[in-house]
N, C-alpha and C. Protein backbone atom coordinates (compact mmCIF):
# COMPACT_ATOMS: atom_id res chain seq x y z
N MET A 1 19.61 -23.54 -6.69
CA MET A 1 19.36 -23.14 -7.89
C MET A 1 18.90 -21.53 -7.71
N GLU A 2 19.88 -20.71 -8.79
CA GLU A 2 19.78 -19.25 -8.89
C GLU A 2 18.68 -19.06 -10.00
N ILE A 3 17.89 -17.95 -10.24
CA ILE A 3 17.18 -17.76 -11.24
C ILE A 3 17.14 -16.27 -11.65
N ASP A 4 17.10 -15.77 -12.55
CA ASP A 4 17.31 -14.23 -12.88
C ASP A 4 16.69 -14.01 -14.22
N GLU A 5 16.98 -12.75 -15.04
CA GLU A 5 16.33 -12.28 -16.56
C GLU A 5 17.11 -11.30 -17.05
N ILE A 6 17.79 -11.89 -18.14
CA ILE A 6 18.57 -10.87 -18.86
C ILE A 6 17.71 -10.34 -19.98
N TRP A 7 18.11 -8.94 -20.14
CA TRP A 7 17.25 -8.21 -21.21
C TRP A 7 17.72 -7.92 -22.57
N GLY A 8 16.91 -7.93 -23.52
CA GLY A 8 17.31 -8.00 -24.83
C GLY A 8 16.48 -7.01 -25.81
N PHE A 9 16.57 -6.99 -27.07
CA PHE A 9 15.59 -6.51 -27.53
C PHE A 9 15.44 -7.04 -29.24
N ILE A 10 14.46 -7.21 -29.71
CA ILE A 10 14.32 -7.57 -31.39
C ILE A 10 13.93 -6.89 -32.32
N GLY A 11 14.37 -6.38 -33.23
CA GLY A 11 14.16 -5.52 -34.02
C GLY A 11 13.90 -4.08 -33.64
N ALA A 12 13.99 -3.66 -32.39
CA ALA A 12 13.86 -2.14 -32.06
C ALA A 12 13.73 -2.14 -30.54
N LYS A 13 13.90 -1.29 -29.64
CA LYS A 13 13.68 -1.07 -28.18
C LYS A 13 12.43 -0.78 -27.92
N ARG A 14 12.02 -0.75 -27.15
CA ARG A 14 10.70 -0.61 -26.58
C ARG A 14 10.18 0.77 -27.15
N ASN A 15 10.70 2.15 -27.08
CA ASN A 15 10.36 3.19 -27.53
C ASN A 15 10.21 3.06 -29.03
N ARG A 16 10.52 2.45 -30.05
CA ARG A 16 10.51 2.41 -31.15
C ARG A 16 9.78 1.28 -31.89
N ALA A 17 9.53 0.16 -31.02
CA ALA A 17 8.94 -0.95 -31.08
C ALA A 17 7.51 -0.86 -31.91
N THR A 18 6.70 0.04 -31.29
CA THR A 18 5.37 -0.27 -31.81
C THR A 18 5.25 0.18 -33.21
N ALA A 19 5.94 1.36 -33.51
CA ALA A 19 5.91 2.28 -34.76
C ALA A 19 6.67 1.37 -35.61
N ALA A 20 7.55 0.56 -35.25
CA ALA A 20 8.34 0.00 -36.34
C ALA A 20 7.77 -1.50 -36.98
N GLY A 21 6.51 -1.52 -35.87
CA GLY A 21 5.72 -3.41 -36.30
C GLY A 21 6.80 -4.45 -35.85
N CYS A 22 7.83 -4.00 -34.43
CA CYS A 22 8.69 -4.97 -34.08
C CYS A 22 8.43 -5.62 -32.63
N TYR A 23 9.04 -6.80 -32.40
CA TYR A 23 9.00 -7.37 -31.30
C TYR A 23 9.17 -6.24 -29.44
N GLY A 24 10.00 -6.04 -30.13
CA GLY A 24 10.73 -4.75 -28.77
C GLY A 24 11.24 -5.92 -27.78
N ASP A 25 11.37 -4.89 -26.65
CA ASP A 25 12.08 -5.74 -25.60
C ASP A 25 11.56 -7.53 -25.41
N VAL A 26 12.82 -7.88 -24.98
CA VAL A 26 12.59 -9.52 -24.91
C VAL A 26 13.45 -9.61 -23.52
N TRP A 27 12.83 -10.60 -22.75
CA TRP A 27 13.85 -10.84 -22.01
C TRP A 27 14.11 -12.55 -21.48
N THR A 28 15.12 -12.90 -20.97
CA THR A 28 15.75 -14.42 -20.69
C THR A 28 15.69 -14.94 -19.49
N PHE A 29 14.71 -15.26 -19.35
CA PHE A 29 14.53 -16.01 -17.69
C PHE A 29 15.69 -17.48 -17.89
N ILE A 30 16.38 -17.30 -16.84
CA ILE A 30 17.38 -18.74 -16.88
C ILE A 30 17.78 -18.67 -15.30
N ALA A 31 17.60 -20.56 -15.25
CA ALA A 31 18.07 -21.16 -14.25
C ALA A 31 19.30 -21.54 -14.15
N LEU A 32 20.22 -21.38 -12.99
CA LEU A 32 21.28 -22.05 -12.94
C LEU A 32 21.92 -22.61 -11.58
N ASP A 33 22.10 -24.02 -11.70
CA ASP A 33 22.51 -24.81 -10.06
C ASP A 33 24.01 -24.24 -9.90
N SER A 34 23.89 -23.71 -8.96
CA SER A 34 25.16 -22.94 -8.57
C SER A 34 26.39 -23.98 -8.41
N ASP A 35 25.81 -25.66 -7.92
CA ASP A 35 26.72 -26.18 -7.82
C ASP A 35 27.43 -26.61 -8.89
N THR A 36 27.05 -27.19 -9.51
CA THR A 36 27.39 -28.01 -10.83
C THR A 36 27.56 -27.16 -12.46
N LYS A 37 27.01 -25.78 -12.09
CA LYS A 37 26.74 -24.61 -13.15
C LYS A 37 25.78 -25.08 -14.06
N LEU A 38 25.14 -25.80 -14.07
CA LEU A 38 24.01 -26.34 -15.16
C LEU A 38 22.90 -25.24 -15.31
N ILE A 39 22.48 -25.24 -16.45
CA ILE A 39 21.34 -24.40 -16.88
C ILE A 39 20.10 -25.58 -16.91
N PRO A 40 19.48 -25.86 -16.39
CA PRO A 40 18.52 -26.43 -16.76
C PRO A 40 17.12 -26.69 -17.23
N ALA A 41 16.89 -24.73 -17.39
CA ALA A 41 15.50 -24.64 -17.54
C ALA A 41 15.84 -22.94 -18.26
N PHE A 42 15.53 -22.48 -19.11
CA PHE A 42 15.64 -20.87 -19.80
C PHE A 42 14.06 -20.49 -20.61
N ILE A 43 13.60 -19.71 -20.75
CA ILE A 43 12.39 -19.16 -21.78
C ILE A 43 12.79 -17.65 -22.15
N VAL A 44 12.47 -17.39 -23.18
CA VAL A 44 12.39 -16.16 -23.90
C VAL A 44 11.07 -15.96 -24.17
N GLY A 45 11.01 -14.68 -23.75
CA GLY A 45 9.31 -14.04 -23.45
C GLY A 45 9.50 -12.53 -23.22
N LYS A 46 8.43 -11.92 -22.42
CA LYS A 46 8.18 -10.88 -21.94
C LYS A 46 8.55 -10.87 -20.25
N ARG A 47 8.80 -10.13 -19.57
CA ARG A 47 9.21 -9.94 -18.21
C ARG A 47 7.81 -9.82 -17.54
N ASP A 48 7.10 -10.77 -17.66
CA ASP A 48 5.53 -10.71 -16.81
C ASP A 48 5.08 -11.84 -16.37
N ALA A 49 4.34 -12.17 -15.63
CA ALA A 49 3.67 -12.98 -14.82
C ALA A 49 3.36 -14.10 -15.66
N TYR A 50 2.89 -13.95 -17.18
CA TYR A 50 2.67 -15.40 -17.91
C TYR A 50 4.23 -15.94 -18.24
N HIS A 51 5.24 -15.23 -18.29
CA HIS A 51 6.32 -16.19 -19.03
C HIS A 51 6.69 -16.51 -17.74
N ALA A 52 7.12 -15.90 -16.60
CA ALA A 52 7.64 -16.38 -15.05
C ALA A 52 6.83 -17.55 -14.52
N LYS A 53 5.72 -17.80 -15.14
CA LYS A 53 4.94 -18.90 -14.42
C LYS A 53 5.33 -20.14 -15.37
N ALA A 54 5.50 -19.89 -16.72
CA ALA A 54 6.08 -21.01 -17.83
C ALA A 54 7.41 -21.25 -17.48
N PHE A 55 8.18 -20.41 -16.96
CA PHE A 55 9.57 -20.66 -16.54
C PHE A 55 10.13 -21.65 -15.51
N ILE A 56 9.00 -21.34 -14.36
CA ILE A 56 9.36 -22.01 -13.68
C ILE A 56 8.71 -23.21 -13.45
N SER A 57 7.48 -23.30 -14.02
CA SER A 57 6.65 -24.57 -14.54
C SER A 57 7.84 -25.70 -14.66
N ASP A 58 8.37 -25.01 -15.98
CA ASP A 58 9.44 -25.75 -16.47
C ASP A 58 10.01 -26.64 -15.48
N LEU A 59 10.68 -25.22 -14.93
CA LEU A 59 11.95 -25.46 -14.06
C LEU A 59 11.93 -26.77 -13.03
N ALA A 60 10.71 -26.59 -12.60
CA ALA A 60 10.04 -27.52 -11.35
C ALA A 60 9.86 -29.13 -12.13
N GLY A 61 9.52 -29.00 -13.19
CA GLY A 61 9.23 -30.46 -13.80
C GLY A 61 10.37 -30.82 -14.51
N ARG A 62 11.59 -30.69 -13.96
CA ARG A 62 12.88 -30.91 -14.60
C ARG A 62 13.59 -31.24 -13.32
N LEU A 63 13.32 -31.39 -12.17
CA LEU A 63 13.77 -31.52 -11.37
C LEU A 63 13.27 -32.42 -10.18
N GLN A 64 14.17 -33.47 -10.02
CA GLN A 64 13.73 -34.56 -9.16
C GLN A 64 13.56 -34.44 -7.56
N LYS A 65 14.47 -33.50 -7.10
CA LYS A 65 14.33 -33.52 -5.42
C LYS A 65 13.93 -31.91 -4.99
N ARG A 66 14.21 -31.93 -3.72
CA ARG A 66 13.26 -30.23 -3.47
C ARG A 66 14.64 -29.91 -3.23
N VAL A 67 14.55 -28.50 -3.99
CA VAL A 67 15.85 -27.31 -4.19
C VAL A 67 15.62 -26.56 -3.13
N GLN A 68 16.64 -25.58 -3.34
CA GLN A 68 16.31 -24.00 -2.78
C GLN A 68 16.55 -23.34 -4.03
N VAL A 69 15.54 -22.17 -4.17
CA VAL A 69 15.93 -21.18 -5.07
C VAL A 69 15.99 -19.95 -4.63
N SER A 70 16.56 -19.21 -5.44
CA SER A 70 16.75 -17.55 -5.38
C SER A 70 16.77 -16.77 -6.70
N SER A 71 15.62 -15.80 -6.17
CA SER A 71 15.80 -14.98 -6.91
C SER A 71 16.02 -13.60 -6.90
N ASP A 72 15.55 -12.91 -7.82
CA ASP A 72 15.62 -11.23 -7.61
C ASP A 72 14.08 -11.04 -7.24
N SER A 73 13.69 -9.74 -6.91
CA SER A 73 12.27 -9.50 -6.07
C SER A 73 11.23 -9.19 -7.13
N LEU A 74 11.65 -9.74 -8.25
CA LEU A 74 10.40 -9.30 -9.17
C LEU A 74 9.09 -10.08 -8.72
N HIS A 75 8.12 -9.24 -8.93
CA HIS A 75 6.73 -9.76 -8.00
C HIS A 75 6.36 -11.11 -8.82
N ALA A 76 6.45 -11.32 -9.99
CA ALA A 76 5.99 -12.34 -10.43
C ALA A 76 6.34 -13.73 -9.85
N TYR A 77 7.22 -13.58 -9.54
CA TYR A 77 8.39 -15.25 -9.11
C TYR A 77 7.05 -15.50 -7.61
N ALA A 78 6.73 -14.65 -7.12
CA ALA A 78 6.28 -15.80 -5.61
C ALA A 78 4.84 -16.44 -5.92
N ASP A 79 4.28 -15.61 -7.19
CA ASP A 79 3.18 -16.48 -7.84
C ASP A 79 3.51 -17.77 -8.51
N ALA A 80 4.23 -17.63 -9.24
CA ALA A 80 5.08 -18.78 -10.41
C ALA A 80 5.52 -19.60 -9.66
N MET A 81 6.22 -19.45 -8.35
CA MET A 81 6.99 -20.13 -7.64
C MET A 81 5.88 -21.30 -6.44
N GLU A 82 4.58 -20.77 -6.41
CA GLU A 82 3.89 -21.44 -5.41
C GLU A 82 3.15 -22.46 -6.57
N ARG A 83 2.88 -21.77 -7.76
CA ARG A 83 2.32 -22.57 -8.58
C ARG A 83 3.02 -23.98 -9.31
N GLY A 84 4.37 -23.63 -9.49
CA GLY A 84 5.45 -24.90 -10.34
C GLY A 84 5.68 -25.60 -9.19
N PHE A 85 5.86 -25.31 -8.11
CA PHE A 85 6.36 -25.97 -6.99
C PHE A 85 5.45 -26.56 -5.61
N GLY A 86 4.72 -25.52 -5.39
CA GLY A 86 3.71 -26.05 -4.64
C GLY A 86 4.31 -25.84 -3.21
N THR A 87 4.29 -26.41 -1.93
CA THR A 87 5.06 -26.47 -1.01
C THR A 87 6.51 -26.83 -0.70
N GLU A 88 6.67 -27.74 -2.19
CA GLU A 88 8.20 -28.36 -2.48
C GLU A 88 9.21 -27.70 -2.52
N VAL A 89 9.69 -26.54 -1.94
CA VAL A 89 10.69 -25.87 -2.54
C VAL A 89 10.96 -25.04 -1.21
N ASP A 90 12.33 -24.71 -1.15
CA ASP A 90 12.70 -23.76 -0.24
C ASP A 90 13.00 -22.53 -0.91
N TYR A 91 12.28 -21.35 -0.93
CA TYR A 91 12.76 -20.10 -1.67
C TYR A 91 12.90 -18.90 -0.92
N GLY A 92 14.01 -18.20 -1.17
CA GLY A 92 13.95 -16.57 -0.89
C GLY A 92 14.72 -15.74 -1.95
N GLN A 93 14.29 -14.34 -1.98
CA GLN A 93 14.62 -13.90 -3.06
C GLN A 93 15.47 -12.61 -2.03
N ILE A 94 16.40 -12.14 -3.49
CA ILE A 94 17.29 -11.15 -2.78
C ILE A 94 17.39 -9.64 -3.68
N SER A 95 17.17 -8.45 -2.96
CA SER A 95 17.01 -6.79 -3.27
C SER A 95 18.11 -6.30 -3.28
N LYS A 96 18.70 -5.85 -4.30
CA LYS A 96 19.76 -4.95 -3.98
C LYS A 96 19.08 -3.46 -4.42
N THR A 97 19.91 -2.88 -3.53
CA THR A 97 19.72 -1.14 -3.86
C THR A 97 21.07 -0.65 -4.34
N TYR A 98 20.71 0.21 -5.46
CA TYR A 98 22.19 0.47 -5.99
C TYR A 98 21.97 2.46 -6.21
N SER A 99 23.47 2.19 -6.17
CA SER A 99 23.35 4.24 -6.03
C SER A 99 23.24 4.72 -7.50
N PHE A 100 22.34 5.60 -6.98
CA PHE A 100 22.34 6.61 -8.41
C PHE A 100 23.41 6.57 -9.47
N VAL A 101 23.14 6.75 -10.58
CA VAL A 101 23.81 7.11 -12.06
C VAL A 101 23.34 8.30 -12.64
N ASN A 102 24.31 9.10 -12.78
CA ASN A 102 24.06 10.70 -13.32
C ASN A 102 24.24 9.90 -14.82
N LEU A 103 23.30 9.68 -15.66
CA LEU A 103 23.39 9.36 -17.27
C LEU A 103 23.94 10.78 -17.76
N THR A 104 24.08 11.85 -17.38
CA THR A 104 25.17 12.85 -18.54
C THR A 104 26.30 12.96 -18.35
N GLN A 105 26.89 12.24 -17.11
CA GLN A 105 28.41 12.15 -16.76
C GLN A 105 29.14 11.58 -17.82
N ASN A 106 30.12 11.36 -17.88
CA ASN A 106 30.94 11.00 -19.12
C ASN A 106 30.74 9.32 -19.32
N ALA A 107 31.60 9.09 -20.25
CA ALA A 107 31.15 7.45 -20.81
C ALA A 107 31.40 6.61 -20.07
N ALA A 108 32.69 6.84 -19.58
CA ALA A 108 33.00 5.82 -18.34
C ALA A 108 32.26 5.28 -16.93
N GLY A 109 31.62 6.26 -16.68
CA GLY A 109 30.68 6.60 -15.59
C GLY A 109 29.51 5.68 -15.91
N ARG A 110 28.79 6.21 -17.48
CA ARG A 110 27.79 5.47 -18.03
C ARG A 110 27.68 4.13 -17.64
N TYR A 111 28.44 3.52 -18.58
CA TYR A 111 28.87 2.12 -18.71
C TYR A 111 29.66 1.16 -17.64
N SER A 112 29.98 1.94 -16.06
CA SER A 112 30.08 1.11 -15.70
C SER A 112 29.00 0.60 -14.46
N PRO A 113 29.41 -0.38 -14.12
CA PRO A 113 28.40 -0.86 -13.15
C PRO A 113 27.51 0.14 -12.11
N ALA A 114 26.53 0.25 -11.37
CA ALA A 114 26.38 1.00 -10.16
C ALA A 114 26.87 0.31 -8.87
N GLU A 115 27.17 1.29 -8.12
CA GLU A 115 27.67 0.20 -6.87
C GLU A 115 26.11 -0.06 -6.17
N VAL A 116 26.78 -1.34 -5.27
CA VAL A 116 25.32 -1.87 -4.22
C VAL A 116 25.81 -1.19 -2.86
N ILE A 117 24.60 -0.44 -2.72
CA ILE A 117 24.55 -0.05 -1.28
C ILE A 117 23.83 -0.75 -0.44
N LYS A 118 22.87 -1.63 -0.67
CA LYS A 118 22.26 -1.96 0.18
C LYS A 118 21.64 -3.66 -0.44
N VAL A 119 21.73 -4.41 0.60
CA VAL A 119 21.66 -5.81 -0.09
C VAL A 119 20.48 -6.10 1.00
N GLU A 120 18.77 -6.67 0.43
CA GLU A 120 18.15 -7.67 1.69
C GLU A 120 17.89 -8.85 0.93
N LYS A 121 17.65 -9.82 2.23
CA LYS A 121 17.50 -11.14 1.88
C LYS A 121 15.88 -11.52 2.16
N THR A 122 15.28 -12.15 1.49
CA THR A 122 13.81 -12.49 2.23
C THR A 122 13.37 -14.11 2.24
N ILE A 123 12.94 -14.39 3.29
CA ILE A 123 12.69 -15.77 2.90
C ILE A 123 11.05 -15.81 2.73
N VAL A 124 10.93 -16.44 1.45
CA VAL A 124 9.02 -16.31 0.66
C VAL A 124 8.56 -17.76 1.28
N SER A 125 9.08 -18.92 1.27
CA SER A 125 8.32 -20.08 1.38
C SER A 125 9.61 -21.05 1.99
N GLY A 126 8.80 -22.04 2.62
CA GLY A 126 10.13 -23.26 3.14
C GLY A 126 10.94 -22.56 4.20
N MET A 127 12.27 -23.49 4.03
CA MET A 127 13.10 -23.00 4.97
C MET A 127 14.46 -22.82 4.39
N PRO A 128 14.89 -21.94 3.50
CA PRO A 128 15.90 -21.78 2.66
C PRO A 128 17.13 -21.47 3.68
N ASP A 129 18.28 -21.82 3.24
CA ASP A 129 19.45 -21.43 4.21
C ASP A 129 20.02 -19.69 3.58
N VAL A 130 19.73 -18.89 4.65
CA VAL A 130 19.41 -17.44 4.18
C VAL A 130 21.17 -17.29 3.89
N SER A 131 22.23 -17.57 4.52
CA SER A 131 23.20 -17.62 3.75
C SER A 131 23.68 -17.69 2.03
N ARG A 132 22.73 -18.70 1.63
CA ARG A 132 22.98 -19.29 0.05
C ARG A 132 21.71 -18.37 -0.88
N ILE A 133 21.10 -17.41 -0.12
CA ILE A 133 20.03 -16.68 -0.75
C ILE A 133 21.09 -15.54 -1.84
N SER A 134 21.08 -16.13 -3.34
CA SER A 134 21.88 -15.41 -3.95
C SER A 134 21.83 -15.40 -5.37
N THR A 135 22.01 -14.57 -6.14
CA THR A 135 21.65 -14.46 -7.53
C THR A 135 23.15 -14.14 -8.06
N SER A 136 24.58 -14.14 -7.61
CA SER A 136 25.41 -13.89 -7.66
C SER A 136 26.33 -14.48 -9.01
N HIS A 137 25.67 -16.12 -9.41
CA HIS A 137 26.18 -16.81 -9.81
C HIS A 137 25.61 -17.01 -11.27
N VAL A 138 24.04 -16.93 -11.10
CA VAL A 138 23.43 -16.48 -12.40
C VAL A 138 23.61 -15.23 -12.89
N GLU A 139 23.95 -14.31 -12.32
CA GLU A 139 24.28 -12.82 -12.65
C GLU A 139 25.52 -12.86 -13.56
N LYS A 140 26.56 -13.73 -13.16
CA LYS A 140 27.76 -13.99 -14.05
C LYS A 140 27.70 -14.69 -15.15
N GLN A 141 26.61 -15.70 -15.22
CA GLN A 141 25.95 -16.06 -16.43
C GLN A 141 25.72 -15.24 -17.73
N ASN A 142 24.71 -14.62 -16.69
CA ASN A 142 24.34 -13.22 -17.90
C ASN A 142 25.52 -12.33 -18.66
N HIS A 143 26.53 -12.10 -18.07
CA HIS A 143 27.76 -11.75 -18.51
C HIS A 143 28.03 -12.82 -19.55
N THR A 144 28.21 -14.17 -19.02
CA THR A 144 28.83 -14.78 -20.12
C THR A 144 28.11 -15.11 -21.38
N LEU A 145 26.80 -15.35 -21.04
CA LEU A 145 25.60 -14.67 -22.38
C LEU A 145 26.19 -13.73 -23.46
N ARG A 146 26.03 -12.67 -22.48
CA ARG A 146 26.45 -11.40 -23.37
C ARG A 146 27.25 -11.63 -24.48
N MET A 147 28.95 -12.50 -23.61
CA MET A 147 30.04 -12.42 -24.40
C MET A 147 29.84 -13.29 -25.34
N HIS A 148 29.37 -14.38 -25.18
CA HIS A 148 28.99 -15.16 -26.14
C HIS A 148 28.11 -15.07 -27.21
N CYS A 149 27.10 -14.41 -26.78
CA CYS A 149 25.86 -14.39 -27.73
C CYS A 149 25.78 -13.40 -28.38
N ARG A 150 26.71 -12.94 -29.65
CA ARG A 150 26.68 -11.53 -30.31
C ARG A 150 25.48 -10.50 -30.32
N ARG A 151 23.92 -11.59 -30.60
CA ARG A 151 22.90 -10.57 -30.39
C ARG A 151 22.41 -10.13 -28.80
N LEU A 152 23.11 -10.32 -27.91
CA LEU A 152 23.07 -9.97 -26.83
C LEU A 152 23.83 -8.96 -25.96
N THR A 153 25.10 -8.53 -27.31
CA THR A 153 25.90 -7.43 -26.71
C THR A 153 25.41 -6.37 -26.85
N ARG A 154 25.88 -5.56 -25.77
CA ARG A 154 25.46 -4.33 -25.56
C ARG A 154 25.89 -3.24 -27.01
N LEU A 155 25.37 -2.18 -27.03
CA LEU A 155 25.29 -1.15 -28.60
C LEU A 155 25.63 -1.92 -29.68
N THR A 156 25.23 -3.40 -29.84
CA THR A 156 25.35 -3.76 -30.83
C THR A 156 24.46 -3.42 -32.45
N ASN A 157 25.15 -3.64 -33.38
CA ASN A 157 23.79 -3.79 -34.57
C ASN A 157 24.03 -5.07 -35.10
N ALA A 158 24.11 -6.16 -34.54
CA ALA A 158 23.69 -7.38 -34.66
C ALA A 158 22.85 -8.02 -33.65
N PHE A 159 21.77 -7.07 -33.45
CA PHE A 159 20.44 -7.41 -32.77
C PHE A 159 19.14 -8.41 -33.68
N SER A 160 18.72 -9.73 -32.97
CA SER A 160 17.87 -10.10 -34.23
C SER A 160 16.83 -9.36 -34.72
N LYS A 161 16.28 -9.68 -35.91
CA LYS A 161 15.25 -8.95 -36.42
C LYS A 161 13.77 -10.20 -36.38
N LYS A 162 14.14 -11.34 -35.76
CA LYS A 162 12.82 -12.01 -35.56
C LYS A 162 13.10 -12.81 -34.25
N PHE A 163 12.05 -12.74 -33.63
CA PHE A 163 11.70 -13.53 -32.43
C PHE A 163 12.40 -14.86 -32.08
N GLU A 164 12.16 -15.75 -33.70
CA GLU A 164 12.56 -17.13 -33.74
C GLU A 164 13.90 -17.06 -33.91
N ASN A 165 14.72 -16.18 -34.39
CA ASN A 165 16.08 -16.49 -34.62
C ASN A 165 16.85 -16.03 -33.41
N PHE A 166 16.34 -14.93 -32.20
CA PHE A 166 16.59 -14.86 -31.25
C PHE A 166 16.80 -16.22 -30.30
N GLN A 167 15.41 -16.67 -30.28
CA GLN A 167 15.39 -17.73 -29.42
C GLN A 167 16.19 -18.98 -29.78
N ALA A 168 16.42 -19.32 -30.86
CA ALA A 168 16.99 -20.15 -31.45
C ALA A 168 18.49 -19.86 -31.29
N ALA A 169 19.15 -18.74 -31.17
CA ALA A 169 20.37 -18.31 -30.70
C ALA A 169 20.82 -18.41 -29.46
N VAL A 170 19.83 -18.03 -28.89
CA VAL A 170 19.91 -18.44 -26.75
C VAL A 170 19.62 -19.55 -26.82
N ALA A 171 18.78 -20.39 -27.48
CA ALA A 171 19.09 -22.16 -27.12
C ALA A 171 20.50 -22.48 -27.75
N LEU A 172 21.09 -22.60 -28.73
CA LEU A 172 22.38 -22.99 -29.06
C LEU A 172 23.36 -22.75 -28.21
N ASN A 173 23.23 -21.54 -27.43
CA ASN A 173 24.26 -20.81 -26.80
C ASN A 173 24.16 -22.05 -25.18
N PHE A 174 23.09 -22.11 -24.84
CA PHE A 174 23.04 -22.57 -23.60
C PHE A 174 23.12 -24.29 -23.59
N ALA A 175 22.88 -24.55 -25.23
CA ALA A 175 23.49 -26.26 -25.54
C ALA A 175 25.01 -26.62 -24.91
N TYR A 176 25.42 -25.83 -26.09
CA TYR A 176 27.06 -25.41 -25.90
C TYR A 176 27.58 -25.16 -24.94
N TYR A 177 27.15 -24.27 -23.80
CA TYR A 177 27.45 -24.19 -22.44
C TYR A 177 27.29 -25.46 -21.12
N ASN A 178 26.40 -25.84 -21.65
CA ASN A 178 25.51 -27.03 -21.02
C ASN A 178 26.61 -28.40 -21.31
N PHE A 179 26.71 -28.96 -22.67
CA PHE A 179 27.33 -30.06 -23.20
C PHE A 179 28.74 -30.14 -23.54
N VAL A 180 29.10 -28.96 -24.24
CA VAL A 180 30.45 -29.05 -24.81
C VAL A 180 31.62 -28.26 -23.90
N LYS A 181 31.44 -26.99 -23.58
CA LYS A 181 32.19 -26.18 -23.14
C LYS A 181 32.80 -26.51 -21.74
N THR A 182 34.17 -26.62 -21.32
CA THR A 182 34.73 -27.61 -20.05
C THR A 182 34.44 -25.93 -18.95
N HIS A 183 33.66 -25.78 -18.15
CA HIS A 183 33.68 -24.67 -17.23
C HIS A 183 35.10 -24.92 -16.30
N GLY A 184 35.63 -23.55 -16.24
CA GLY A 184 36.85 -23.72 -15.61
C GLY A 184 36.74 -23.88 -14.20
N ALA A 185 35.60 -23.63 -13.47
CA ALA A 185 35.54 -23.42 -12.22
C ALA A 185 35.27 -25.48 -11.95
N ILE A 186 34.91 -26.15 -12.42
CA ILE A 186 34.54 -27.31 -12.20
C ILE A 186 35.18 -28.45 -13.04
N ARG A 187 36.31 -27.94 -13.99
CA ARG A 187 36.87 -28.42 -14.49
C ARG A 187 36.20 -29.73 -15.76
N MET A 188 35.16 -29.32 -16.03
CA MET A 188 34.37 -30.75 -16.99
C MET A 188 32.95 -30.01 -17.42
N THR A 189 32.45 -30.52 -18.11
CA THR A 189 31.05 -29.80 -18.61
C THR A 189 29.96 -29.56 -17.45
N PRO A 190 28.86 -28.53 -17.42
CA PRO A 190 28.04 -28.67 -16.46
C PRO A 190 27.36 -30.10 -16.76
N ALA A 191 27.06 -30.65 -17.98
CA ALA A 191 26.11 -31.67 -17.99
C ALA A 191 26.73 -33.10 -16.98
N GLN A 192 28.32 -32.88 -17.39
CA GLN A 192 28.97 -34.32 -16.60
C GLN A 192 29.05 -33.81 -15.21
N ALA A 193 29.17 -32.51 -14.90
CA ALA A 193 28.97 -32.54 -13.23
C ALA A 193 27.37 -32.74 -12.76
N ALA A 194 26.39 -32.72 -13.35
CA ALA A 194 25.36 -32.92 -13.22
C ALA A 194 24.70 -34.34 -13.35
N GLY A 195 25.81 -35.07 -13.75
CA GLY A 195 25.42 -36.47 -14.32
C GLY A 195 24.36 -36.88 -15.19
N VAL A 196 24.26 -35.75 -15.91
CA VAL A 196 23.69 -35.95 -17.01
C VAL A 196 24.41 -36.68 -18.60
N GLU A 197 25.37 -36.37 -18.65
CA GLU A 197 26.22 -36.84 -19.73
C GLU A 197 27.81 -37.51 -18.86
N SER A 198 28.17 -38.57 -19.66
CA SER A 198 29.27 -39.13 -18.85
C SER A 198 30.65 -38.50 -19.36
N SER A 199 30.43 -38.05 -20.33
CA SER A 199 31.28 -37.17 -21.34
C SER A 199 31.10 -35.91 -22.18
N ALA A 200 31.93 -34.95 -22.52
CA ALA A 200 31.88 -33.93 -23.14
C ALA A 200 31.51 -34.04 -24.63
N TRP A 201 30.52 -33.37 -24.96
CA TRP A 201 30.14 -33.44 -26.52
C TRP A 201 31.11 -32.88 -27.20
N THR A 202 31.28 -32.95 -28.66
CA THR A 202 32.00 -32.11 -29.82
C THR A 202 31.19 -31.36 -30.12
N VAL A 203 31.41 -30.32 -30.69
CA VAL A 203 30.87 -29.60 -31.40
C VAL A 203 29.96 -30.16 -32.77
N ALA A 204 30.66 -30.89 -33.16
CA ALA A 204 30.03 -32.09 -34.15
C ALA A 204 28.86 -32.46 -33.57
N GLU A 205 28.98 -33.30 -32.76
CA GLU A 205 27.93 -34.08 -31.96
C GLU A 205 26.80 -33.04 -31.55
N LEU A 206 27.64 -32.18 -31.26
CA LEU A 206 26.00 -31.06 -30.88
C LEU A 206 25.40 -30.58 -32.03
N VAL A 207 25.93 -30.25 -33.27
CA VAL A 207 25.30 -30.18 -34.56
C VAL A 207 24.46 -31.10 -34.85
N GLU A 208 24.95 -32.25 -34.79
CA GLU A 208 24.37 -33.44 -35.37
C GLU A 208 22.95 -33.54 -34.33
N ARG A 209 23.28 -33.39 -33.09
CA ARG A 209 21.73 -33.68 -32.28
C ARG A 209 20.81 -32.36 -32.20
N CYS A 210 21.26 -31.26 -32.83
CA CYS A 210 20.37 -30.13 -32.58
C CYS A 210 19.35 -30.18 -33.84
N GLY A 211 20.37 -30.86 -35.01
CA GLY A 211 19.57 -31.49 -36.02
C GLY A 211 18.29 -32.81 -35.93
N GLU A 212 18.06 -33.46 -35.03
CA GLU A 212 17.89 -34.45 -34.91
C GLU A 212 16.35 -34.13 -34.99
């Protein structure tokens, strides 16, 4: 299981949010099973200890077996994992150091990803397989989310104005991803691969079930 956070904003970015009376920066915490590609849990909120604990608690409650969990080095995760899983988890963190990016350079340079120059893996609890401590799959899912959910597209004017609208858009995206969309790597939906559903939903079924 890989977990990560993706940034967005509601109403206005952080430096203007207070003056504009807006929510400002918002983070979506995402959990992804790297084998089935299923997203069993997510939460929308601030990148803080409160939301990290709520996210991990929700994730732990959805899993039946002991798992290995990988995350970045967000400080709030260590306590959240202990509270959510106790000792019943193999948990490791991966920390990436990026090269310095000069923001005054040309546009192509500003919007290209920085080069990773150092990767450190740390065992936090249990006995995780160090070779599988990774967030690569969930980071790719972050890219997929930005491509599919217009509210999270960079430099967009389609950002959400209300928290509830943002939360609903993200939830609908993940429902479609889990139950409707055939994943190219596994040739079925993530829900089918995880044994949650025996067949893919149609969009009509998704709309009907979301309205229940």
